[in-house]
C-alpha atoms as a PDB file:
ATOM      1  CA  MET A   1     -15.235  11.099  20.275  1.00  0.00           C
ATOM      2  CA  THR A   2     -13.607  10.015  16.930  1.00  0.00           C
ATOM      3  CA  ASP A   3     -11.203  11.789  14.629  1.00  0.00           C
ATOM      4  CA  ARG A   4     -12.428  12.806  11.218  1.00  0.00           C
ATOM      5  CA  HIS A   5     -10.436  11.996   7.717  1.00  0.00           C
ATOM      6  CA  ALA A   6      -9.995  15.321   5.752  1.00  0.00           C
ATOM      7  CA  GLY A   7      -7.978  13.361   3.111  1.00  0.00           C
ATOM      8  CA  TYR A   8      -5.532  10.469   2.507  1.00  0.00           C
ATOM      9  CA  VAL A   9      -1.985  10.557   0.776  1.00  0.00           C
ATOM     10  CA  VAL A  10      -1.761   7.401  -1.539  1.00  0.00           C
ATOM     11  CA  VAL A  11       1.594   6.036  -2.106  1.00  0.00           C
ATOM     12  CA  LEU A  12       2.548   4.201  -5.344  1.00  0.00           C
ATOM     13  CA  ASP A  13       4.932   1.486  -5.693  1.00  0.00           C
ATOM     14  CA  ASP A  14       7.027   3.297  -8.394  1.00  0.00           C
ATOM     15  CA  SER A  15       6.262   6.990  -9.691  1.00  0.00           C
ATOM     16  CA  LEU A  16       4.454   7.231 -12.770  1.00  0.00           C
ATOM     17  CA  ARG A  17       5.226   9.343 -15.789  1.00  0.00           C
ATOM     18  CA  GLU A  18       2.693  12.205 -16.173  1.00  0.00           C
ATOM     19  CA  ASP A  19       1.471  11.078 -19.478  1.00  0.00           C
ATOM     20  CA  ASP A  20       1.072   7.671 -18.097  1.00  0.00           C
ATOM     21  CA  ALA A  21      -0.863   8.521 -14.902  1.00  0.00           C
ATOM     22  CA  GLN A  22      -4.236   9.875 -16.332  1.00  0.00           C
ATOM     23  CA  ALA A  23      -6.048   6.497 -15.670  1.00  0.00           C
ATOM     24  CA  THR A  24      -4.991   6.359 -12.350  1.00  0.00           C
ATOM     25  CA  LEU A  25      -5.935   9.911 -11.650  1.00  0.00           C
ATOM     26  CA  ASN A  26      -9.411   9.317 -12.925  1.00  0.00           C
ATOM     27  CA  ALA A  27      -9.956   6.060 -11.128  1.00  0.00           C
ATOM     28  CA  LEU A  28      -9.143   8.047  -7.874  1.00  0.00           C
ATOM     29  CA  ARG A  29     -11.555  10.741  -8.896  1.00  0.00           C
ATOM     30  CA  GLN A  30     -14.403   8.129  -9.133  1.00  0.00           C
ATOM     31  CA  ILE A  31     -14.059   7.596  -5.474  1.00  0.00           C
ATOM     32  CA  LYS A  32     -17.105   8.949  -3.596  1.00  0.00           C
ATOM     33  CA  GLY A  33     -16.352  11.877  -1.558  1.00  0.00           C
ATOM     34  CA  VAL A  34     -13.235  12.798  -3.356  1.00  0.00           C
ATOM     35  CA  ILE A  35     -13.508  16.386  -4.436  1.00  0.00           C
ATOM     36  CA  ALA A  36      -9.857  16.758  -5.890  1.00  0.00           C
ATOM     37  CA  VAL A  37      -7.000  14.589  -6.540  1.00  0.00           C
ATOM     38  CA  GLU A  38      -3.711  16.595  -7.146  1.00  0.00           C
ATOM     39  CA  PRO A  39      -0.623  14.585  -7.878  1.00  0.00           C
ATOM     40  CA  VAL A  40       2.589  14.864  -5.873  1.00  0.00           C
ATOM     41  CA  VAL A  41       5.478  15.582  -8.174  1.00  0.00           C
ATOM     42  CA  ASP A  42       8.349  13.759  -6.544  1.00  0.00           C
ATOM     43  CA  ASP A  43       8.626  16.105  -3.390  1.00  0.00           C
ATOM     44  CA  ALA A  44       7.265  13.909  -0.666  1.00  0.00           C
ATOM     45  CA  HIS A  45      10.211  11.514  -0.947  1.00  0.00           C
ATOM     46  CA  ALA A  46      10.837  10.783   2.395  1.00  0.00           C
ATOM     47  CA  VAL A  47       7.488   9.254   3.089  1.00  0.00           C
ATOM     48  CA  ILE A  48       7.524   7.507  -0.449  1.00  0.00           C
ATOM     49  CA  ALA A  49      11.061   6.196  -0.035  1.00  0.00           C
ATOM     50  CA  ARG A  50      10.217   4.798   3.682  1.00  0.00           C
ATOM     51  CA  ASN A  51       6.865   3.267   2.372  1.00  0.00           C
ATOM     52  CA  ARG A  52       8.774   1.699  -0.760  1.00  0.00           C
ATOM     53  CA  ALA A  53      11.540   0.361   1.557  1.00  0.00           C
ATOM     54  CA  TYR A  54       9.098  -0.779   3.756  1.00  0.00           C
ATOM     55  CA  HIS A  55       7.363  -2.867   1.232  1.00  0.00           C
ATOM     56  CA  ASP A  56      10.608  -3.928  -0.352  1.00  0.00           C
ATOM     57  CA  LEU A  57      11.594  -5.357   3.153  1.00  0.00           C
ATOM     58  CA  GLU A  58       8.332  -7.086   3.967  1.00  0.00           C
ATOM     59  CA  ALA A  59       8.493  -8.899   0.421  1.00  0.00           C
ATOM     60  CA  ARG A  60      12.133  -9.949   1.105  1.00  0.00           C
ATOM     61  CA  LEU A  61      11.315 -10.991   4.617  1.00  0.00           C
ATOM     62  CA  TRP A  62       8.217 -13.381   3.477  1.00  0.00           C
ATOM     63  CA  THR A  63      10.441 -14.770   0.660  1.00  0.00           C
ATOM     64  CA  ALA A  64      13.135 -15.593   2.947  1.00  0.00           C
ATOM     65  CA  LEU A  65      10.627 -17.415   5.539  1.00  0.00           C
ATOM     66  CA  ARG A  66       9.040 -19.213   2.822  1.00  0.00           C
ATOM     67  CA  GLU A  67      12.068 -20.413   1.285  1.00  0.00           C
ATOM     68  CA  GLY A  68      13.228 -21.514   4.737  1.00  0.00           C
ATOM     69  CA  ARG A  69      10.467 -24.004   5.139  1.00  0.00           C
ATOM     70  CA  GLY A  70      11.463 -26.369   2.558  1.00  0.00           C
END
């Protein structure tokens, strides 16, 4: 038996101002099967911070590895 997905949390690389986020919200609403898009108002700090930190660390690691080859 397989798990069924009820929804997803999308993590942005940086917080958007509410007035700048409309295009992103509209794009997410256009995805097939999406019935609601509700912004998270910087309260999921732990998940967002962890994902941003991981992304930053990964980018720095790849940069260091590339520079080490030359």
